[in-house]
PDB file of N, CA and C in Angstrom:
ATOM      1  N   VAL A   1      54.710  20.640 -73.345  1.00  0.00           N
ATOM      2  CA  VAL A   1      56.114  20.356 -73.543  1.00  0.00           C
ATOM      3  C   VAL A   1      56.282  19.690 -74.894  1.00  0.00           C
ATOM      4  N   GLU A   2      57.170  20.225 -75.701  1.00  0.00           N
ATOM      5  CA  GLU A   2      57.522  19.598 -76.973  1.00  0.00           C
ATOM      6  C   GLU A   2      58.862  18.893 -76.773  1.00  0.00           C
ATOM      7  N   VAL A   3      58.961  17.659 -77.233  1.00  0.00           N
ATOM      8  CA  VAL A   3      60.170  16.865 -77.053  1.00  0.00           C
ATOM      9  C   VAL A   3      60.697  16.436 -78.413  1.00  0.00           C
ATOM     10  N   THR A   4      62.002  16.642 -78.640  1.00  0.00           N
ATOM     11  CA  THR A   4      62.660  16.228 -79.876  1.00  0.00           C
ATOM     12  C   THR A   4      63.865  15.356 -79.522  1.00  0.00           C
ATOM     13  N   PRO A   5      63.691  14.018 -79.542  1.00  0.00           N
ATOM     14  CA  PRO A   5      64.835  13.138 -79.285  1.00  0.00           C
ATOM     15  C   PRO A   5      65.823  13.201 -80.450  1.00  0.00           C
ATOM     16  N   SER A   6      67.109  13.203 -80.130  1.00  0.00           N
ATOM     17  CA  SER A   6      68.132  13.264 -81.162  1.00  0.00           C
ATOM     18  C   SER A   6      69.388  12.548 -80.661  1.00  0.00           C
ATOM     19  N   GLY A   7      69.492  11.265 -80.982  1.00  0.00           N
ATOM     20  CA  GLY A   7      70.662  10.511 -80.542  1.00  0.00           C
ATOM     21  C   GLY A   7      70.741  10.456 -79.036  1.00  0.00           C
ATOM     22  N   ARG A   8      71.873  10.906 -78.484  1.00  0.00           N
ATOM     23  CA  ARG A   8      72.069  10.895 -77.033  1.00  0.00           C
ATOM     24  C   ARG A   8      71.483  12.125 -76.354  1.00  0.00           C
ATOM     25  N   MET A   9      70.971  13.051 -77.122  1.00  0.00           N
ATOM     26  CA  MET A   9      70.415  14.291 -76.573  1.00  0.00           C
ATOM     27  C   MET A   9      68.891  14.287 -76.738  1.00  0.00           C
ATOM     28  N   CYS A  10      68.238  15.163 -76.017  1.00  0.00           N
ATOM     29  CA  CYS A  10      66.792  15.328 -76.146  1.00  0.00           C
ATOM     30  C   CYS A  10      66.466  16.797 -75.889  1.00  0.00           C
ATOM     31  N   ARG A  11      65.917  17.449 -76.891  1.00  0.00           N
ATOM     32  CA  ARG A  11      65.529  18.859 -76.741  1.00  0.00           C
ATOM     33  C   ARG A  11      64.123  18.894 -76.172  1.00  0.00           C
ATOM     34  N   MET A  12      63.935  19.669 -75.109  1.00  0.00           N
ATOM     35  CA  MET A  12      62.618  19.849 -74.516  1.00  0.00           C
ATOM     36  C   MET A  12      62.286  21.331 -74.540  1.00  0.00           C
ATOM     37  N   ARG A  13      61.147  21.638 -75.092  1.00  0.00           N
ATOM     38  CA  ARG A  13      60.729  23.033 -75.212  1.00  0.00           C
ATOM     39  C   ARG A  13      59.421  23.190 -74.450  1.00  0.00           C
ATOM     40  N   TYR A  14      59.416  24.125 -73.505  1.00  0.00           N
ATOM     41  CA  TYR A  14      58.239  24.379 -72.689  1.00  0.00           C
ATOM     42  C   TYR A  14      57.512  25.605 -73.208  1.00  0.00           C
ATOM     43  N   ILE A  15      56.203  25.526 -73.292  1.00  0.00           N
ATOM     44  CA  ILE A  15      55.379  26.657 -73.711  1.00  0.00           C
ATOM     45  C   ILE A  15      54.537  27.050 -72.498  1.00  0.00           C
ATOM     46  N   PHE A  16      54.628  28.312 -72.097  1.00  0.00           N
ATOM     47  CA  PHE A  16      53.896  28.789 -70.930  1.00  0.00           C
ATOM     48  C   PHE A  16      52.769  29.713 -71.344  1.00  0.00           C
ATOM     49  N   TYR A  17      51.647  29.584 -70.663  1.00  0.00           N
ATOM     50  CA  TYR A  17      50.495  30.459 -70.855  1.00  0.00           C
ATOM     51  C   TYR A  17      50.493  31.468 -69.722  1.00  0.00           C
ATOM     52  N   GLY A  18      50.190  32.707 -70.025  1.00  0.00           N
ATOM     53  CA  GLY A  18      50.135  33.710 -68.973  1.00  0.00           C
ATOM     54  C   GLY A  18      49.162  34.821 -69.299  1.00  0.00           C
ATOM     55  N   GLU A  19      48.706  35.474 -68.276  1.00  0.00           N
ATOM     56  CA  GLU A  19      47.846  36.648 -68.397  1.00  0.00           C
ATOM     57  C   GLU A  19      48.397  37.717 -67.466  1.00  0.00           C
ATOM     58  N   PRO A  20      48.285  38.986 -67.848  1.00  0.00           N
ATOM     59  CA  PRO A  20      48.789  40.040 -66.950  1.00  0.00           C
ATOM     60  C   PRO A  20      47.936  40.127 -65.685  1.00  0.00           C
ATOM     61  N   GLU A  21      48.587  40.364 -64.547  1.00  0.00           N
ATOM     62  CA  GLU A  21      47.845  40.573 -63.304  1.00  0.00           C
ATOM     63  C   GLU A  21      47.113  41.903 -63.339  1.00  0.00           C
ATOM     64  N   ASP A  22      47.732  42.900 -63.970  1.00  0.00           N
ATOM     65  CA  ASP A  22      47.164  44.249 -64.028  1.00  0.00           C
ATOM     66  C   ASP A  22      47.299  44.744 -65.468  1.00  0.00           C
ATOM     67  N   GLU A  23      46.217  44.708 -66.228  1.00  0.00           N
ATOM     68  CA  GLU A  23      46.286  45.089 -67.640  1.00  0.00           C
ATOM     69  C   GLU A  23      46.701  46.539 -67.850  1.00  0.00           C
ATOM     70  N   ALA A  24      46.506  47.366 -66.850  1.00  0.00           N
ATOM     71  CA  ALA A  24      46.894  48.780 -66.974  1.00  0.00           C
ATOM     72  C   ALA A  24      48.391  48.970 -66.729  1.00  0.00           C
ATOM     73  N   ASN A  25      49.044  47.960 -66.183  1.00  0.00           N
ATOM     74  CA  ASN A  25      50.456  48.084 -65.840  1.00  0.00           C
ATOM     75  C   ASN A  25      51.184  46.793 -66.227  1.00  0.00           C
ATOM     76  N   CYS A  26      51.310  46.557 -67.524  1.00  0.00           N
ATOM     77  CA  CYS A  26      51.925  45.293 -67.968  1.00  0.00           C
ATOM     78  C   CYS A  26      52.759  45.503 -69.229  1.00  0.00           C
ATOM     79  N   GLU A  27      53.658  46.451 -69.170  1.00  0.00           N
ATOM     80  CA  GLU A  27      54.522  46.712 -70.324  1.00  0.00           C
ATOM     81  C   GLU A  27      55.441  45.532 -70.584  1.00  0.00           C
ATOM     82  N   PRO A  28      55.398  44.967 -71.775  1.00  0.00           N
ATOM     83  CA  PRO A  28      56.324  43.872 -72.084  1.00  0.00           C
ATOM     84  C   PRO A  28      57.727  44.397 -72.375  1.00  0.00           C
ATOM     85  N   LYS A  29      58.651  43.483 -72.433  1.00  0.00           N
ATOM     86  CA  LYS A  29      60.053  43.804 -72.736  1.00  0.00           C
ATOM     87  C   LYS A  29      60.136  44.453 -74.123  1.00  0.00           C
ATOM     88  N   THR A  30      60.811  45.568 -74.223  1.00  0.00           N
ATOM     89  CA  THR A  30      60.895  46.264 -75.512  1.00  0.00           C
ATOM     90  C   THR A  30      62.306  46.324 -76.075  1.00  0.00           C
ATOM     91  N   LEU A  31      63.321  46.122 -75.242  1.00  0.00           N
ATOM     92  CA  LEU A  31      64.696  46.190 -75.731  1.00  0.00           C
ATOM     93  C   LEU A  31      65.188  44.805 -76.138  1.00  0.00           C
ATOM     94  N   PRO A  32      65.732  44.676 -77.345  1.00  0.00           N
ATOM     95  CA  PRO A  32      66.268  43.373 -77.770  1.00  0.00           C
ATOM     96  C   PRO A  32      67.469  42.959 -76.938  1.00  0.00           C
ATOM     97  N   ASP A  33      67.640  41.655 -76.770  1.00  0.00           N
ATOM     98  CA  ASP A  33      68.826  41.116 -76.124  1.00  0.00           C
ATOM     99  C   ASP A  33      69.116  39.744 -76.726  1.00  0.00           C
ATOM    100  N   PHE A  34      69.969  38.968 -76.075  1.00  0.00           N
ATOM    101  CA  PHE A  34      70.380  37.670 -76.605  1.00  0.00           C
ATOM    102  C   PHE A  34      69.200  36.712 -76.771  1.00  0.00           C
ATOM    103  N   GLU A  35      68.235  36.749 -75.837  1.00  0.00           N
ATOM    104  CA  GLU A  35      67.115  35.817 -75.860  1.00  0.00           C
ATOM    105  C   GLU A  35      66.029  36.171 -76.877  1.00  0.00           C
ATOM    106  N   SER A  36      65.775  37.459 -77.093  1.00  0.00           N
ATOM    107  CA  SER A  36      64.679  37.822 -77.997  1.00  0.00           C
ATOM    108  C   SER A  36      64.840  39.242 -78.525  1.00  0.00           C
ATOM    109  N   ALA A  37      64.047  39.539 -79.538  1.00  0.00           N
ATOM    110  CA  ALA A  37      64.052  40.874 -80.126  1.00  0.00           C
ATOM    111  C   ALA A  37      63.076  41.800 -79.415  1.00  0.00           C
ATOM    112  N   GLY A  38      62.398  41.289 -78.396  1.00  0.00           N
ATOM    113  CA  GLY A  38      61.428  42.076 -77.654  1.00  0.00           C
ATOM    114  C   GLY A  38      60.155  41.276 -77.464  1.00  0.00           C
ATOM    115  N   ALA A  39      59.121  41.931 -76.959  1.00  0.00           N
ATOM    116  CA  ALA A  39      57.850  41.262 -76.706  1.00  0.00           C
ATOM    117  C   ALA A  39      56.716  42.242 -76.918  1.00  0.00           C
ATOM    118  N   CYS A  40      55.526  41.712 -77.140  1.00  0.00           N
ATOM    119  CA  CYS A  40      54.342  42.561 -77.269  1.00  0.00           C
ATOM    120  C   CYS A  40      53.097  41.730 -76.982  1.00  0.00           C
ATOM    121  N   TRP A  41      52.055  42.398 -76.542  1.00  0.00           N
ATOM    122  CA  TRP A  41      50.771  41.738 -76.345  1.00  0.00           C
ATOM    123  C   TRP A  41      50.033  41.788 -77.676  1.00  0.00           C
ATOM    124  N   VAL A  42      49.545  40.640 -78.148  1.00  0.00           N
ATOM    125  CA  VAL A  42      48.849  40.578 -79.428  1.00  0.00           C
ATOM    126  C   VAL A  42      47.655  39.644 -79.345  1.00  0.00           C
ATOM    127  N   THR A  43      46.786  39.748 -80.329  1.00  0.00           N
ATOM    128  CA  THR A  43      45.660  38.837 -80.469  1.00  0.00           C
ATOM    129  C   THR A  43      45.997  37.794 -81.529  1.00  0.00           C
ATOM    130  N   ALA A  44      45.219  36.720 -81.564  1.00  0.00           N
ATOM    131  CA  ALA A  44      45.401  35.698 -82.601  1.00  0.00           C
ATOM    132  C   ALA A  44      45.206  36.313 -83.984  1.00  0.00           C
ATOM    133  N   GLU A  45      44.280  37.240 -84.101  1.00  0.00           N
ATOM    134  CA  GLU A  45      44.014  37.888 -85.386  1.00  0.00           C
ATOM    135  C   GLU A  45      45.218  38.687 -85.859  1.00  0.00           C
ATOM    136  N   GLU A  46      45.902  39.363 -84.937  1.00  0.00           N
ATOM    137  CA  GLU A  46      47.091  40.135 -85.312  1.00  0.00           C
ATOM    138  C   GLU A  46      48.210  39.215 -85.785  1.00  0.00           C
ATOM    139  N   ILE A  47      48.348  38.051 -85.159  1.00  0.00           N
ATOM    140  CA  ILE A  47      49.365  37.103 -85.609  1.00  0.00           C
ATOM    141  C   ILE A  47      48.997  36.548 -86.977  1.00  0.00           C
ATOM    142  N   ALA A  48      47.728  36.168 -87.148  1.00  0.00           N
ATOM    143  CA  ALA A  48      47.276  35.583 -88.412  1.00  0.00           C
ATOM    144  C   ALA A  48      47.393  36.563 -89.572  1.00  0.00           C
ATOM    145  N   SER A  49      47.358  37.870 -89.293  1.00  0.00           N
ATOM    146  CA  SER A  49      47.427  38.871 -90.367  1.00  0.00           C
ATOM    147  C   SER A  49      48.761  38.857 -91.093  1.00  0.00           C
ATOM    148  N   GLY A  50      49.801  38.333 -90.450  1.00  0.00           N
ATOM    149  CA  GLY A  50      51.121  38.295 -91.057  1.00  0.00           C
ATOM    150  C   GLY A  50      51.893  39.597 -90.951  1.00  0.00           C
ATOM    151  N   LYS A  51      51.349  40.593 -90.273  1.00  0.00           N
ATOM    152  CA  LYS A  51      52.026  41.887 -90.147  1.00  0.00           C
ATOM    153  C   LYS A  51      53.155  41.872 -89.111  1.00  0.00           C
ATOM    154  N   LEU A  52      53.111  40.900 -88.202  1.00  0.00           N
ATOM    155  CA  LEU A  52      54.173  40.787 -87.197  1.00  0.00           C
ATOM    156  C   LEU A  52      55.281  39.892 -87.733  1.00  0.00           C
ATOM    157  N   ARG A  53      56.523  40.262 -87.463  1.00  0.00           N
ATOM    158  CA  ARG A  53      57.661  39.437 -87.883  1.00  0.00           C
ATOM    159  C   ARG A  53      57.968  38.434 -86.781  1.00  0.00           C
ATOM    160  N   LEU A  54      57.600  37.198 -87.008  1.00  0.00           N
ATOM    161  CA  LEU A  54      57.838  36.133 -86.046  1.00  0.00           C
ATOM    162  C   LEU A  54      58.810  35.123 -86.634  1.00  0.00           C
ATOM    163  N   ARG A  55      59.490  34.383 -85.761  1.00  0.00           N
ATOM    164  CA  ARG A  55      60.410  33.346 -86.233  1.00  0.00           C
ATOM    165  C   ARG A  55      59.677  32.118 -86.744  1.00  0.00           C
ATOM    166  N   GLY A  56      58.442  31.927 -86.324  1.00  0.00           N
ATOM    167  CA  GLY A  56      57.680  30.759 -86.742  1.00  0.00           C
ATOM    168  C   GLY A  56      56.199  30.959 -86.477  1.00  0.00           C
ATOM    169  N   GLN A  57      55.415  29.965 -86.821  1.00  0.00           N
ATOM    170  CA  GLN A  57      53.971  30.047 -86.652  1.00  0.00           C
ATOM    171  C   GLN A  57      53.490  29.445 -85.330  1.00  0.00           C
ATOM    172  N   GLU A  58      54.412  29.009 -84.468  1.00  0.00           N
ATOM    173  CA  GLU A  58      54.019  28.387 -83.216  1.00  0.00           C
ATOM    174  C   GLU A  58      53.092  29.243 -82.374  1.00  0.00           C
ATOM    175  N   PRO A  59      53.314  30.564 -82.260  1.00  0.00           N
ATOM    176  CA  PRO A  59      52.375  31.350 -81.442  1.00  0.00           C
ATOM    177  C   PRO A  59      50.926  31.225 -81.923  1.00  0.00           C
ATOM    178  N   LEU A  60      50.701  31.257 -83.210  1.00  0.00           N
ATOM    179  CA  LEU A  60      49.340  31.132 -83.724  1.00  0.00           C
ATOM    180  C   LEU A  60      48.781  29.741 -83.424  1.00  0.00           C
ATOM    181  N   GLU A  61      49.621  28.714 -83.570  1.00  0.00           N
ATOM    182  CA  GLU A  61      49.173  27.352 -83.259  1.00  0.00           C
ATOM    183  C   GLU A  61      48.723  27.252 -81.808  1.00  0.00           C
ATOM    184  N   TRP A  62      49.497  27.861 -80.885  1.00  0.00           N
ATOM    185  CA  TRP A  62      49.139  27.783 -79.469  1.00  0.00           C
ATOM    186  C   TRP A  62      47.944  28.674 -79.135  1.00  0.00           C
ATOM    187  N   PHE A  63      47.806  29.830 -79.775  1.00  0.00           N
ATOM    188  CA  PHE A  63      46.617  30.660 -79.581  1.00  0.00           C
ATOM    189  C   PHE A  63      45.384  29.856 -79.973  1.00  0.00           C
ATOM    190  N   ASN A  64      45.442  29.193 -81.127  1.00  0.00           N
ATOM    191  CA  ASN A  64      44.307  28.402 -81.608  1.00  0.00           C
ATOM    192  C   ASN A  64      44.012  27.237 -80.669  1.00  0.00           C
ATOM    193  N   TYR A  65      45.051  26.606 -80.135  1.00  0.00           N
ATOM    194  CA  TYR A  65      44.885  25.502 -79.195  1.00  0.00           C
ATOM    195  C   TYR A  65      44.106  25.962 -77.965  1.00  0.00           C
ATOM    196  N   VAL A  66      44.525  27.079 -77.382  1.00  0.00           N
ATOM    197  CA  VAL A  66      43.859  27.597 -76.186  1.00  0.00           C
ATOM    198  C   VAL A  66      42.433  28.021 -76.513  1.00  0.00           C
ATOM    199  N   ALA A  67      42.241  28.711 -77.636  1.00  0.00           N
ATOM    200  CA  ALA A  67      40.907  29.174 -78.028  1.00  0.00           C
ATOM    201  C   ALA A  67      39.945  28.007 -78.248  1.00  0.00           C
ATOM    202  N   ALA A  68      40.472  26.860 -78.661  1.00  0.00           N
ATOM    203  CA  ALA A  68      39.639  25.685 -78.909  1.00  0.00           C
ATOM    204  C   ALA A  68      39.363  24.897 -77.626  1.00  0.00           C
ATOM    205  N   GLY A  69      39.837  25.409 -76.480  1.00  0.00           N
ATOM    206  CA  GLY A  69      39.588  24.728 -75.212  1.00  0.00           C
ATOM    207  C   GLY A  69      40.673  23.751 -74.813  1.00  0.00           C
ATOM    208  N   GLY A  70      41.863  23.877 -75.416  1.00  0.00           N
ATOM    209  CA  GLY A  70      42.975  22.993 -75.073  1.00  0.00           C
ATOM    210  C   GLY A  70      43.324  23.067 -73.593  1.00  0.00           C
ATOM    211  N   VAL A  71      43.834  21.977 -73.063  1.00  0.00           N
ATOM    212  CA  VAL A  71      44.171  21.883 -71.647  1.00  0.00           C
ATOM    213  C   VAL A  71      45.366  22.781 -71.326  1.00  0.00           C
ATOM    214  N   ILE A  72      45.245  23.562 -70.271  1.00  0.00           N
ATOM    215  CA  ILE A  72      46.348  24.370 -69.748  1.00  0.00           C
ATOM    216  C   ILE A  72      46.651  23.826 -68.361  1.00  0.00           C
ATOM    217  N   HIS A  73      47.811  23.239 -68.200  1.00  0.00           N
ATOM    218  CA  HIS A  73      48.188  22.654 -66.915  1.00  0.00           C
ATOM    219  C   HIS A  73      48.709  23.737 -65.985  1.00  0.00           C
ATOM    220  N   PRO A  74      48.462  23.596 -64.681  1.00  0.00           N
ATOM    221  CA  PRO A  74      48.933  24.617 -63.731  1.00  0.00           C
ATOM    222  C   PRO A  74      50.450  24.594 -63.598  1.00  0.00           C
ATOM    223  N   ILE A  75      51.024  25.754 -63.342  1.00  0.00           N
ATOM    224  CA  ILE A  75      52.474  25.887 -63.189  1.00  0.00           C
ATOM    225  C   ILE A  75      52.976  25.038 -62.024  1.00  0.00           C
ATOM    226  N   GLU A  76      52.096  24.741 -61.061  1.00  0.00           N
ATOM    227  CA  GLU A  76      52.497  23.946 -59.905  1.00  0.00           C
ATOM    228  C   GLU A  76      52.920  22.527 -60.281  1.00  0.00           C
ATOM    229  N   MET A  77      52.658  22.116 -61.522  1.00  0.00           N
ATOM    230  CA  MET A  77      53.113  20.796 -61.968  1.00  0.00           C
ATOM    231  C   MET A  77      54.636  20.732 -62.034  1.00  0.00           C
ATOM    232  N   LEU A  78      55.286  21.869 -62.186  1.00  0.00           N
ATOM    233  CA  LEU A  78      56.747  21.906 -62.244  1.00  0.00           C
ATOM    234  C   LEU A  78      57.310  21.974 -60.836  1.00  0.00           C
ATOM    235  N   THR A  79      58.102  20.982 -60.466  1.00  0.00           N
ATOM    236  CA  THR A  79      58.748  20.974 -59.163  1.00  0.00           C
ATOM    237  C   THR A  79      60.200  20.568 -59.346  1.00  0.00           C
ATOM    238  N   LEU A  80      60.965  20.713 -58.311  1.00  0.00           N
ATOM    239  CA  LEU A  80      62.350  20.271 -58.351  1.00  0.00           C
ATOM    240  C   LEU A  80      62.404  18.750 -58.397  1.00  0.00           C
ATOM    241  N   GLU A  81      63.419  18.217 -59.044  1.00  0.00           N
ATOM    242  CA  GLU A  81      63.588  16.780 -59.108  1.00  0.00           C
ATOM    243  C   GLU A  81      63.669  16.210 -57.691  1.00  0.00           C
ATOM    244  N   GLY A  82      62.886  15.179 -57.426  1.00  0.00           N
ATOM    245  CA  GLY A  82      62.866  14.549 -56.115  1.00  0.00           C
ATOM    246  C   GLY A  82      61.917  15.188 -55.123  1.00  0.00           C
ATOM    247  N   ALA A  83      61.370  16.349 -55.445  1.00  0.00           N
ATOM    248  CA  ALA A  83      60.425  17.005 -54.543  1.00  0.00           C
ATOM    249  C   ALA A  83      59.075  16.314 -54.647  1.00  0.00           C
ATOM    250  N   PRO A  84      58.337  16.271 -53.542  1.00  0.00           N
ATOM    251  CA  PRO A  84      57.013  15.651 -53.626  1.00  0.00           C
ATOM    252  C   PRO A  84      56.058  16.546 -54.418  1.00  0.00           C
ATOM    253  N   PRO A  85      55.073  15.946 -55.082  1.00  0.00           N
ATOM    254  CA  PRO A  85      54.097  16.771 -55.782  1.00  0.00           C
ATOM    255  C   PRO A  85      53.255  17.549 -54.771  1.00  0.00           C
ATOM    256  N   PRO A  86      52.625  18.635 -55.196  1.00  0.00           N
ATOM    257  CA  PRO A  86      51.788  19.390 -54.259  1.00  0.00           C
ATOM    258  C   PRO A  86      50.602  18.541 -53.818  1.00  0.00           C
ATOM    259  N   ALA A  87      50.101  18.817 -52.630  1.00  0.00           N
ATOM    260  CA  ALA A  87      48.926  18.109 -52.141  1.00  0.00           C
ATOM    261  C   ALA A  87      47.746  18.389 -53.063  1.00  0.00           C
ATOM    262  N   VAL A  88      46.927  17.402 -53.274  1.00  0.00           N
ATOM    263  CA  VAL A  88      45.757  17.555 -54.138  1.00  0.00           C
ATOM    264  C   VAL A  88      44.867  18.659 -53.581  1.00  0.00           C
ATOM    265  N   GLY A  89      44.426  19.541 -54.463  1.00  0.00           N
ATOM    266  CA  GLY A  89      43.542  20.631 -54.059  1.00  0.00           C
ATOM    267  C   GLY A  89      44.264  21.859 -53.552  1.00  0.00           C
ATOM    268  N   THR A  90      45.608  21.869 -53.599  1.00  0.00           N
ATOM    269  CA  THR A  90      46.366  23.045 -53.167  1.00  0.00           C
ATOM    270  C   THR A  90      47.232  23.521 -54.319  1.00  0.00           C
ATOM    271  N   SER A  91      47.782  24.688 -54.162  1.00  0.00           N
ATOM    272  CA  SER A  91      48.721  25.196 -55.162  1.00  0.00           C
ATOM    273  C   SER A  91      50.117  25.288 -54.571  1.00  0.00           C
ATOM    274  N   GLU A  92      50.355  24.574 -53.487  1.00  0.00           N
ATOM    275  CA  GLU A  92      51.674  24.590 -52.851  1.00  0.00           C
ATOM    276  C   GLU A  92      52.606  23.661 -53.600  1.00  0.00           C
ATOM    277  N   ALA A  93      53.684  24.201 -54.113  1.00  0.00           N
ATOM    278  CA  ALA A  93      54.681  23.394 -54.811  1.00  0.00           C
ATOM    279  C   ALA A  93      56.053  23.919 -54.464  1.00  0.00           C
ATOM    280  N   THR A  94      57.072  23.133 -54.726  1.00  0.00           N
ATOM    281  CA  THR A  94      58.436  23.570 -54.520  1.00  0.00           C
ATOM    282  C   THR A  94      58.747  24.616 -55.581  1.00  0.00           C
ATOM    283  N   ASN A  95      59.009  25.834 -55.160  1.00  0.00           N
ATOM    284  CA  ASN A  95      59.233  26.931 -56.087  1.00  0.00           C
ATOM    285  C   ASN A  95      60.566  26.745 -56.822  1.00  0.00           C
ATOM    286  N   LEU A  96      60.497  26.674 -58.147  1.00  0.00           N
ATOM    287  CA  LEU A  96      61.705  26.503 -58.950  1.00  0.00           C
ATOM    288  C   LEU A  96      62.520  27.779 -59.058  1.00  0.00           C
ATOM    289  N   TRP A  97      61.924  28.911 -58.797  1.00  0.00           N
ATOM    290  CA  TRP A  97      62.585  30.175 -59.095  1.00  0.00           C
ATOM    291  C   TRP A  97      63.066  30.897 -57.862  1.00  0.00           C
ATOM    292  N   THR A  98      63.413  30.181 -56.816  1.00  0.00           N
ATOM    293  CA  THR A  98      63.978  30.820 -55.636  1.00  0.00           C
ATOM    294  C   THR A  98      65.443  31.139 -55.912  1.00  0.00           C
ATOM    295  N   PRO A  99      65.979  32.218 -55.355  1.00  0.00           N
ATOM    296  CA  PRO A  99      67.379  32.575 -55.599  1.00  0.00           C
ATOM    297  C   PRO A  99      68.313  31.423 -55.263  1.00  0.00           C
ATOM    298  N   GLY A 100      69.271  31.183 -56.138  1.00  0.00           N
ATOM    299  CA  GLY A 100      70.255  30.142 -55.936  1.00  0.00           C
ATOM    300  C   GLY A 100      69.758  28.735 -56.213  1.00  0.00           C
ATOM    301  N   CYS A 101      68.532  28.616 -56.669  1.00  0.00           N
ATOM    302  CA  CYS A 101      67.941  27.302 -56.898  1.00  0.00           C
ATOM    303  C   CYS A 101      68.555  26.620 -58.111  1.00  0.00           C
ATOM    304  N   CYS A 102      68.584  27.285 -59.205  1.00  0.00           N
ATOM    305  CA  CYS A 102      69.004  26.631 -60.457  1.00  0.00           C
ATOM    306  C   CYS A 102      70.090  27.410 -61.171  1.00  0.00           C
TER     307      CYS A 102
END
């Protein structure tokens, strides 16, 4: 999580790590919309080459972080406000993405 305090506001930016469940069937988003110009699977080397048009260098920074053994926290750390944390040793958490949740 990156945090940028600014007066009465605070910008929080979350960076998620993911891997495809099925590499043979994992087409990324290709049509541009309001959120992004699309998506693609790339290597750190492809980003470092400068051939991809990115808005910033953050993807390369995070690729390097993970490659260097940086800590990747489990998604189960995210729960609804006031929900109890998952039991130690389990992956049971309050699902944030249930319909009508947020």
